[in-house]
Amino acid sequence: MSRSRKKLPFSGITTAASEKEDKRRANRKERRLNRQTLCATADDTLLRNKRAVGNPWLFAKDGKNRFDPHAYPHLVRK
């Protein structure tokens, strides 16, 4: 694994390592609201998706950006 390299030169824009906790929080909120809606109305057309419940722009990372692997060789290492 010492020679392991990324195949595509993309990296997160901010210093956050992961959006895992943000995604978990949004999924839990979505499931809770959908469960409440189904218990109250039993109508599955009123169910919400993750984008309607949580705002992905408020997550820790703001997406990914391409970088030059020759200029930043430390970002290519896994």
Protein backbone atom coordinates (compact mmCIF):
# COMPACT_ATOMS: atom_id res chain seq x y z
CA MET A 1 0.00 0.00 0.00
CA SER A 2 3.00 2.33 0.12
CA ARG A 3 2.66 2.97 -3.61
CA SER A 4 -1.05 3.51 -3.48
CA ARG A 5 -2.17 6.58 -5.45
CA LYS A 6 -5.49 8.22 -6.28
CA LYS A 7 -6.66 7.57 -9.82
CA LEU A 8 -8.46 10.87 -10.24
CA PRO A 9 -7.08 14.18 -8.88
CA PHE A 10 -10.11 15.45 -6.96
CA SER A 11 -10.15 16.67 -3.38
CA GLY A 12 -12.62 18.26 -0.95
CA ILE A 13 -12.81 22.06 -0.97
CA THR A 14 -12.71 22.60 2.80
CA THR A 15 -10.61 21.13 5.58
CA ALA A 16 -13.35 18.76 6.75
CA ALA A 17 -12.33 15.14 6.34
CA SER A 18 -15.84 13.82 5.76
CA GLU A 19 -19.54 14.66 5.52
CA LYS A 20 -20.50 11.43 7.24
CA GLU A 21 -22.07 12.99 10.35
CA ASP A 22 -24.00 15.54 8.26
CA LYS A 23 -25.36 12.80 6.00
CA ARG A 24 -26.33 10.65 9.00
CA ARG A 25 -28.16 13.60 10.57
CA ALA A 26 -30.06 14.38 7.33
CA ASN A 27 -31.02 10.72 6.77
CA ARG A 28 -32.29 10.34 10.34
CA LYS A 29 -34.35 13.51 10.01
CA GLU A 30 -35.80 12.33 6.69
CA ARG A 31 -36.73 8.91 8.07
CA ARG A 32 -38.30 10.40 11.21
CA LEU A 33 -40.45 12.87 9.25
CA ASN A 34 -41.50 10.21 6.73
CA ARG A 35 -42.41 7.82 9.54
CA GLN A 36 -44.54 10.51 11.19
CA THR A 37 -46.23 11.33 7.87
CA LEU A 38 -47.04 7.68 7.18
CA CYS A 39 -48.47 7.15 10.66
CA ALA A 40 -50.62 10.26 10.44
CA THR A 41 -51.94 10.01 6.87
CA ALA A 42 -50.98 6.58 5.43
CA ASP A 43 -50.39 8.41 2.12
CA ASP A 44 -47.02 7.68 0.55
CA THR A 45 -47.29 10.53 -1.97
CA LEU A 46 -46.50 13.04 0.80
CA LEU A 47 -43.10 11.54 1.64
CA ARG A 48 -40.09 13.86 1.55
CA ASN A 49 -36.64 13.23 0.16
CA LYS A 50 -33.30 14.14 1.70
CA ARG A 51 -32.95 17.36 -0.33
CA ALA A 52 -36.30 18.65 0.93
CA VAL A 53 -35.37 17.96 4.55
CA GLY A 54 -31.71 18.97 4.78
CA ASN A 55 -29.67 21.59 2.99
CA PRO A 56 -26.50 20.07 1.45
CA TRP A 57 -24.93 23.53 1.26
CA LEU A 58 -24.74 23.58 5.06
CA PHE A 59 -22.70 20.36 5.22
CA ALA A 60 -19.07 20.44 6.36
CA LYS A 61 -17.61 20.08 2.86
CA ASP A 62 -18.69 22.20 -0.09
CA GLY A 63 -18.10 19.56 -2.72
CA LYS A 64 -14.97 18.61 -4.61
CA ASN A 65 -12.54 20.36 -6.91
CA ARG A 66 -9.95 19.16 -9.39
CA PHE A 67 -6.26 19.89 -8.63
CA ASP A 68 -2.96 19.51 -10.47
CA PRO A 69 -1.33 16.26 -9.25
CA HIS A 70 2.15 17.48 -10.21
CA ALA A 71 1.79 20.67 -8.16
CA TYR A 72 0.29 18.89 -5.12
CA PRO A 73 1.78 15.37 -4.93
CA HIS A 74 0.86 14.99 -1.23
CA LEU A 75 -2.85 15.10 -2.13
CA VAL A 76 -2.47 12.19 -4.55
CA ARG A 77 -1.26 9.80 -1.83
CA LYS A 78 -3.97 7.73 -0.17
